[in-house]
Amino acid sequence: MEKKVISLLSRVFENVAIDESSSQENIPEWDSMKQLNIAFEIENEFGIELEPEEIVLLKSVNGIINFLNTKTNG
């Protein structure tokens, strides 16, 4: 799951190195538009539909992994 999420975020943030510690806190480019791009990519990659209140929770690599683990049942 971690590799998938890092790969997904690497597509969204084309020229930014992404690792397990990446988050809104340490990536200045992670703005509201990128947040929507991340949500779109997650929906396409994992075949799920995100609610607006879920999208705002996706603030870090680990947060996205934890969210996806609960949403996709592991």
PDB file of N, CA and C in Angstrom:
ATOM      1  N   MET A   1       0.821  -1.194   0.000  1.00  0.00           N
ATOM      2  CA  MET A   1       0.000   0.000   0.000  1.00  0.00           C
ATOM      3  C   MET A   1       0.870   1.265   0.000  1.00  0.00           C
ATOM      4  N   GLU A   2       1.952   1.231   0.785  1.00  0.00           N
ATOM      5  CA  GLU A   2       2.820   2.405   0.860  1.00  0.00           C
ATOM      6  C   GLU A   2       3.411   2.749  -0.509  1.00  0.00           C
ATOM      7  N   LYS A   3       3.871   1.749  -1.236  1.00  0.00           N
ATOM      8  CA  LYS A   3       4.457   2.003  -2.557  1.00  0.00           C
ATOM      9  C   LYS A   3       3.424   2.600  -3.509  1.00  0.00           C
ATOM     10  N   LYS A   4       2.176   2.106  -3.449  1.00  0.00           N
ATOM     11  CA  LYS A   4       1.120   2.641  -4.307  1.00  0.00           C
ATOM     12  C   LYS A   4       0.849   4.106  -3.995  1.00  0.00           C
ATOM     13  N   VAL A   5       0.780   4.434  -2.709  1.00  0.00           N
ATOM     14  CA  VAL A   5       0.490   5.810  -2.297  1.00  0.00           C
ATOM     15  C   VAL A   5       1.646   6.734  -2.683  1.00  0.00           C
ATOM     16  N   ILE A   6       2.867   6.295  -2.462  1.00  0.00           N
ATOM     17  CA  ILE A   6       4.030   7.117  -2.831  1.00  0.00           C
ATOM     18  C   ILE A   6       4.073   7.316  -4.340  1.00  0.00           C
ATOM     19  N   SER A   7       3.788   6.275  -5.098  1.00  0.00           N
ATOM     20  CA  SER A   7       3.747   6.392  -6.556  1.00  0.00           C
ATOM     21  C   SER A   7       2.659   7.366  -6.997  1.00  0.00           C
ATOM     22  N   LEU A   8       1.502   7.263  -6.389  1.00  0.00           N
ATOM     23  CA  LEU A   8       0.381   8.145  -6.711  1.00  0.00           C
ATOM     24  C   LEU A   8       0.748   9.600  -6.425  1.00  0.00           C
ATOM     25  N   LEU A   9       1.318   9.855  -5.247  1.00  0.00           N
ATOM     26  CA  LEU A   9       1.697  11.229  -4.898  1.00  0.00           C
ATOM     27  C   LEU A   9       2.838  11.733  -5.782  1.00  0.00           C
ATOM     28  N   SER A  10       3.710  10.849  -6.196  1.00  0.00           N
ATOM     29  CA  SER A  10       4.798  11.246  -7.105  1.00  0.00           C
ATOM     30  C   SER A  10       4.244  11.702  -8.451  1.00  0.00           C
ATOM     31  N   ARG A  11       3.125  11.113  -8.875  1.00  0.00           N
ATOM     32  CA  ARG A  11       2.479  11.567 -10.116  1.00  0.00           C
ATOM     33  C   ARG A  11       1.866  12.956  -9.934  1.00  0.00           C
ATOM     34  N   VAL A  12       1.272  13.185  -8.774  1.00  0.00           N
ATOM     35  CA  VAL A  12       0.643  14.479  -8.511  1.00  0.00           C
ATOM     36  C   VAL A  12       1.697  15.571  -8.349  1.00  0.00           C
ATOM     37  N   PHE A  13       2.735  15.270  -7.566  1.00  0.00           N
ATOM     38  CA  PHE A  13       3.825  16.223  -7.328  1.00  0.00           C
ATOM     39  C   PHE A  13       5.015  15.815  -8.188  1.00  0.00           C
ATOM     40  N   GLU A  14       4.984  16.182  -9.450  1.00  0.00           N
ATOM     41  CA  GLU A  14       5.935  15.678 -10.442  1.00  0.00           C
ATOM     42  C   GLU A  14       7.402  15.901 -10.098  1.00  0.00           C
ATOM     43  N   ASN A  15       7.743  17.039  -9.533  1.00  0.00           N
ATOM     44  CA  ASN A  15       9.156  17.350  -9.287  1.00  0.00           C
ATOM     45  C   ASN A  15       9.498  17.411  -7.809  1.00  0.00           C
ATOM     46  N   VAL A  16       8.765  16.658  -6.997  1.00  0.00           N
ATOM     47  CA  VAL A  16       8.990  16.643  -5.554  1.00  0.00           C
ATOM     48  C   VAL A  16       9.280  15.208  -5.125  1.00  0.00           C
ATOM     49  N   ALA A  17      10.325  15.041  -4.328  1.00  0.00           N
ATOM     50  CA  ALA A  17      10.641  13.716  -3.799  1.00  0.00           C
ATOM     51  C   ALA A  17       9.619  13.359  -2.724  1.00  0.00           C
ATOM     52  N   ILE A  18       8.977  12.211  -2.883  1.00  0.00           N
ATOM     53  CA  ILE A  18       7.949  11.752  -1.956  1.00  0.00           C
ATOM     54  C   ILE A  18       8.459  10.524  -1.207  1.00  0.00           C
ATOM     55  N   ASP A  19       8.276  10.519   0.116  1.00  0.00           N
ATOM     56  CA  ASP A  19       8.592   9.334   0.919  1.00  0.00           C
ATOM     57  C   ASP A  19       7.553   9.209   2.019  1.00  0.00           C
ATOM     58  N   GLU A  20       7.756   8.269   2.921  1.00  0.00           N
ATOM     59  CA  GLU A  20       6.747   7.991   3.946  1.00  0.00           C
ATOM     60  C   GLU A  20       6.515   9.146   4.914  1.00  0.00           C
ATOM     61  N   SER A  21       7.427  10.117   4.954  1.00  0.00           N
ATOM     62  CA  SER A  21       7.252  11.256   5.858  1.00  0.00           C
ATOM     63  C   SER A  21       6.643  12.476   5.171  1.00  0.00           C
ATOM     64  N   SER A  22       6.305  12.363   3.900  1.00  0.00           N
ATOM     65  CA  SER A  22       5.760  13.502   3.160  1.00  0.00           C
ATOM     66  C   SER A  22       4.359  13.859   3.652  1.00  0.00           C
ATOM     67  N   SER A  23       4.115  15.181   3.745  1.00  0.00           N
ATOM     68  CA  SER A  23       2.815  15.660   4.213  1.00  0.00           C
ATOM     69  C   SER A  23       2.605  17.103   3.763  1.00  0.00           C
ATOM     70  N   GLN A  24       1.430  17.627   4.063  1.00  0.00           N
ATOM     71  CA  GLN A  24       1.139  19.033   3.781  1.00  0.00           C
ATOM     72  C   GLN A  24       2.118  19.937   4.520  1.00  0.00           C
ATOM     73  N   GLU A  25       2.592  19.474   5.661  1.00  0.00           N
ATOM     74  CA  GLU A  25       3.488  20.273   6.491  1.00  0.00           C
ATOM     75  C   GLU A  25       4.853  20.505   5.841  1.00  0.00           C
ATOM     76  N   ASN A  26       5.333  19.549   5.058  1.00  0.00           N
ATOM     77  CA  ASN A  26       6.686  19.685   4.512  1.00  0.00           C
ATOM     78  C   ASN A  26       6.747  19.733   2.983  1.00  0.00           C
ATOM     79  N   ILE A  27       5.589  19.851   2.335  1.00  0.00           N
ATOM     80  CA  ILE A  27       5.559  20.031   0.881  1.00  0.00           C
ATOM     81  C   ILE A  27       4.768  21.302   0.576  1.00  0.00           C
ATOM     82  N   PRO A  28       5.475  22.409   0.323  1.00  0.00           N
ATOM     83  CA  PRO A  28       4.792  23.678   0.077  1.00  0.00           C
ATOM     84  C   PRO A  28       3.802  23.631  -1.092  1.00  0.00           C
ATOM     85  N   GLU A  29       4.059  22.765  -2.065  1.00  0.00           N
ATOM     86  CA  GLU A  29       3.184  22.656  -3.236  1.00  0.00           C
ATOM     87  C   GLU A  29       1.849  21.966  -2.924  1.00  0.00           C
ATOM     88  N   TRP A  30       1.725  21.378  -1.742  1.00  0.00           N
ATOM     89  CA  TRP A  30       0.524  20.628  -1.367  1.00  0.00           C
ATOM     90  C   TRP A  30      -0.560  21.633  -0.954  1.00  0.00           C
ATOM     91  N   ASP A  31      -1.211  22.200  -1.946  1.00  0.00           N
ATOM     92  CA  ASP A  31      -2.262  23.188  -1.714  1.00  0.00           C
ATOM     93  C   ASP A  31      -3.630  22.562  -1.979  1.00  0.00           C
ATOM     94  N   SER A  32      -4.673  23.390  -2.000  1.00  0.00           N
ATOM     95  CA  SER A  32      -6.029  22.858  -2.163  1.00  0.00           C
ATOM     96  C   SER A  32      -6.244  22.220  -3.535  1.00  0.00           C
ATOM     97  N   MET A  33      -5.618  22.754  -4.570  1.00  0.00           N
ATOM     98  CA  MET A  33      -5.750  22.134  -5.901  1.00  0.00           C
ATOM     99  C   MET A  33      -5.056  20.776  -5.934  1.00  0.00           C
ATOM    100  N   LYS A  34      -3.884  20.697  -5.350  1.00  0.00           N
ATOM    101  CA  LYS A  34      -3.187  19.400  -5.295  1.00  0.00           C
ATOM    102  C   LYS A  34      -3.996  18.410  -4.465  1.00  0.00           C
ATOM    103  N   GLN A  35      -4.658  18.897  -3.423  1.00  0.00           N
ATOM    104  CA  GLN A  35      -5.493  18.028  -2.595  1.00  0.00           C
ATOM    105  C   GLN A  35      -6.594  17.392  -3.445  1.00  0.00           C
ATOM    106  N   LEU A  36      -7.208  18.176  -4.318  1.00  0.00           N
ATOM    107  CA  LEU A  36      -8.238  17.643  -5.208  1.00  0.00           C
ATOM    108  C   LEU A  36      -7.644  16.665  -6.216  1.00  0.00           C
ATOM    109  N   ASN A  37      -6.448  16.963  -6.707  1.00  0.00           N
ATOM    110  CA  ASN A  37      -5.766  16.040  -7.621  1.00  0.00           C
ATOM    111  C   ASN A  37      -5.466  14.710  -6.922  1.00  0.00           C
ATOM    112  N   ILE A  38      -5.037  14.789  -5.670  1.00  0.00           N
ATOM    113  CA  ILE A  38      -4.766  13.573  -4.895  1.00  0.00           C
ATOM    114  C   ILE A  38      -6.050  12.759  -4.758  1.00  0.00           C
ATOM    115  N   ALA A  39      -7.139  13.418  -4.414  1.00  0.00           N
ATOM    116  CA  ALA A  39      -8.426  12.725  -4.260  1.00  0.00           C
ATOM    117  C   ALA A  39      -8.830  12.050  -5.567  1.00  0.00           C
ATOM    118  N   PHE A  40      -8.688  12.763  -6.678  1.00  0.00           N
ATOM    119  CA  PHE A  40      -9.028  12.209  -7.990  1.00  0.00           C
ATOM    120  C   PHE A  40      -8.193  10.966  -8.283  1.00  0.00           C
ATOM    121  N   GLU A  41      -6.893  11.055  -8.038  1.00  0.00           N
ATOM    122  CA  GLU A  41      -5.996   9.920  -8.283  1.00  0.00           C
ATOM    123  C   GLU A  41      -6.342   8.731  -7.388  1.00  0.00           C
ATOM    124  N   ILE A  42      -6.668   8.997  -6.128  1.00  0.00           N
ATOM    125  CA  ILE A  42      -7.042   7.921  -5.205  1.00  0.00           C
ATOM    126  C   ILE A  42      -8.316   7.241  -5.684  1.00  0.00           C
ATOM    127  N   GLU A  43      -9.292   8.034  -6.094  1.00  0.00           N
ATOM    128  CA  GLU A  43     -10.548   7.462  -6.585  1.00  0.00           C
ATOM    129  C   GLU A  43     -10.304   6.560  -7.796  1.00  0.00           C
ATOM    130  N   ASN A  44      -9.473   7.019  -8.718  1.00  0.00           N
ATOM    131  CA  ASN A  44      -9.170   6.227  -9.915  1.00  0.00           C
ATOM    132  C   ASN A  44      -8.348   4.983  -9.598  1.00  0.00           C
ATOM    133  N   GLU A  45      -7.336   5.144  -8.768  1.00  0.00           N
ATOM    134  CA  GLU A  45      -6.421   4.047  -8.455  1.00  0.00           C
ATOM    135  C   GLU A  45      -7.094   2.933  -7.646  1.00  0.00           C
ATOM    136  N   PHE A  46      -7.936   3.321  -6.699  1.00  0.00           N
ATOM    137  CA  PHE A  46      -8.490   2.347  -5.769  1.00  0.00           C
ATOM    138  C   PHE A  46      -9.974   2.055  -6.004  1.00  0.00           C
ATOM    139  N   GLY A  47     -10.569   2.706  -7.001  1.00  0.00           N
ATOM    140  CA  GLY A  47     -11.957   2.434  -7.343  1.00  0.00           C
ATOM    141  C   GLY A  47     -12.941   2.773  -6.239  1.00  0.00           C
ATOM    142  N   ILE A  48     -12.657   3.861  -5.519  1.00  0.00           N
ATOM    143  CA  ILE A  48     -13.555   4.281  -4.448  1.00  0.00           C
ATOM    144  C   ILE A  48     -14.023   5.711  -4.725  1.00  0.00           C
ATOM    145  N   GLU A  49     -15.093   6.103  -4.064  1.00  0.00           N
ATOM    146  CA  GLU A  49     -15.589   7.463  -4.178  1.00  0.00           C
ATOM    147  C   GLU A  49     -15.404   8.147  -2.835  1.00  0.00           C
ATOM    148  N   LEU A  50     -14.765   9.304  -2.858  1.00  0.00           N
ATOM    149  CA  LEU A  50     -14.484  10.031  -1.631  1.00  0.00           C
ATOM    150  C   LEU A  50     -15.524  11.117  -1.393  1.00  0.00           C
ATOM    151  N   GLU A  51     -15.907  11.260  -0.152  1.00  0.00           N
ATOM    152  CA  GLU A  51     -16.786  12.346   0.262  1.00  0.00           C
ATOM    153  C   GLU A  51     -15.924  13.571   0.589  1.00  0.00           C
ATOM    154  N   PRO A  52     -16.491  14.772   0.468  1.00  0.00           N
ATOM    155  CA  PRO A  52     -15.706  15.979   0.772  1.00  0.00           C
ATOM    156  C   PRO A  52     -15.050  15.944   2.150  1.00  0.00           C
ATOM    157  N   GLU A  53     -15.755  15.422   3.152  1.00  0.00           N
ATOM    158  CA  GLU A  53     -15.185  15.370   4.500  1.00  0.00           C
ATOM    159  C   GLU A  53     -14.047  14.358   4.602  1.00  0.00           C
ATOM    160  N   GLU A  54     -13.982  13.413   3.682  1.00  0.00           N
ATOM    161  CA  GLU A  54     -12.871  12.467   3.662  1.00  0.00           C
ATOM    162  C   GLU A  54     -11.653  13.078   2.972  1.00  0.00           C
ATOM    163  N   ILE A  55     -11.886  13.857   1.937  1.00  0.00           N
ATOM    164  CA  ILE A  55     -10.786  14.460   1.173  1.00  0.00           C
ATOM    165  C   ILE A  55      -9.907  15.318   2.075  1.00  0.00           C
ATOM    166  N   VAL A  56     -10.508  16.059   2.991  1.00  0.00           N
ATOM    167  CA  VAL A  56      -9.728  16.943   3.857  1.00  0.00           C
ATOM    168  C   VAL A  56      -8.866  16.172   4.858  1.00  0.00           C
ATOM    169  N   LEU A  57      -9.126  14.876   5.031  1.00  0.00           N
ATOM    170  CA  LEU A  57      -8.330  14.064   5.955  1.00  0.00           C
ATOM    171  C   LEU A  57      -7.022  13.576   5.343  1.00  0.00           C
ATOM    172  N   LEU A  58      -6.889  13.688   4.038  1.00  0.00           N
ATOM    173  CA  LEU A  58      -5.735  13.133   3.317  1.00  0.00           C
ATOM    174  C   LEU A  58      -4.574  14.127   3.343  1.00  0.00           C
ATOM    175  N   LYS A  59      -3.871  14.196   4.475  1.00  0.00           N
ATOM    176  CA  LYS A  59      -2.878  15.241   4.684  1.00  0.00           C
ATOM    177  C   LYS A  59      -1.434  14.762   4.713  1.00  0.00           C
ATOM    178  N   SER A  60      -1.236  13.447   4.603  1.00  0.00           N
ATOM    179  CA  SER A  60       0.128  12.903   4.648  1.00  0.00           C
ATOM    180  C   SER A  60       0.128  11.508   4.036  1.00  0.00           C
ATOM    181  N   VAL A  61       1.313  11.030   3.720  1.00  0.00           N
ATOM    182  CA  VAL A  61       1.431   9.672   3.187  1.00  0.00           C
ATOM    183  C   VAL A  61       0.835   8.678   4.180  1.00  0.00           C
ATOM    184  N   ASN A  62       1.241   8.765   5.434  1.00  0.00           N
ATOM    185  CA  ASN A  62       0.736   7.822   6.439  1.00  0.00           C
ATOM    186  C   ASN A  62      -0.761   7.978   6.654  1.00  0.00           C
ATOM    187  N   GLY A  63      -1.251   9.216   6.647  1.00  0.00           N
ATOM    188  CA  GLY A  63      -2.681   9.448   6.796  1.00  0.00           C
ATOM    189  C   GLY A  63      -3.472   8.839   5.653  1.00  0.00           C
ATOM    190  N   ILE A  64      -2.958   8.962   4.440  1.00  0.00           N
ATOM    191  CA  ILE A  64      -3.632   8.385   3.268  1.00  0.00           C
ATOM    192  C   ILE A  64      -3.631   6.861   3.367  1.00  0.00           C
ATOM    193  N   ILE A  65      -2.506   6.283   3.752  1.00  0.00           N
ATOM    194  CA  ILE A  65      -2.417   4.827   3.904  1.00  0.00           C
ATOM    195  C   ILE A  65      -3.419   4.349   4.956  1.00  0.00           C
ATOM    196  N   ASN A  66      -3.453   4.996   6.105  1.00  0.00           N
ATOM    197  CA  ASN A  66      -4.384   4.599   7.168  1.00  0.00           C
ATOM    198  C   ASN A  66      -5.833   4.727   6.689  1.00  0.00           C
ATOM    199  N   PHE A  67      -6.133   5.817   6.014  1.00  0.00           N
ATOM    200  CA  PHE A  67      -7.486   6.016   5.492  1.00  0.00           C
ATOM    201  C   PHE A  67      -7.845   4.913   4.511  1.00  0.00           C
ATOM    202  N   LEU A  68      -6.950   4.635   3.565  1.00  0.00           N
ATOM    203  CA  LEU A  68      -7.238   3.616   2.560  1.00  0.00           C
ATOM    204  C   LEU A  68      -7.386   2.230   3.168  1.00  0.00           C
ATOM    205  N   ASN A  69      -6.599   1.946   4.194  1.00  0.00           N
ATOM    206  CA  ASN A  69      -6.719   0.649   4.872  1.00  0.00           C
ATOM    207  C   ASN A  69      -8.102   0.472   5.476  1.00  0.00           C
ATOM    208  N   THR A  70      -8.680   1.537   6.016  1.00  0.00           N
ATOM    209  CA  THR A  70     -10.025   1.416   6.586  1.00  0.00           C
ATOM    210  C   THR A  70     -11.073   1.428   5.488  1.00  0.00           C
ATOM    211  N   LYS A  71     -10.858   2.221   4.434  1.00  0.00           N
ATOM    212  CA  LYS A  71     -11.851   2.346   3.367  1.00  0.00           C
ATOM    213  C   LYS A  71     -11.905   1.097   2.489  1.00  0.00           C
ATOM    214  N   THR A  72     -10.765   0.467   2.282  1.00  0.00           N
ATOM    215  CA  THR A  72     -10.707  -0.698   1.399  1.00  0.00           C
ATOM    216  C   THR A  72     -10.578  -2.004   2.174  1.00  0.00           C
ATOM    217  N   ASN A  73     -10.725  -1.941   3.497  1.00  0.00           N
ATOM    218  CA  ASN A  73     -10.591  -3.120   4.360  1.00  0.00           C
ATOM    219  C   ASN A  73      -9.252  -3.825   4.200  1.00  0.00           C
ATOM    220  N   GLY A  74      -8.192  -3.004   4.196  1.00  0.00           N
ATOM    221  CA  GLY A  74      -6.850  -3.558   4.160  1.00  0.00           C
ATOM    222  C   GLY A  74      -6.397  -3.794   2.786  1.00  0.00           C
TER     223      GLY A  74
END
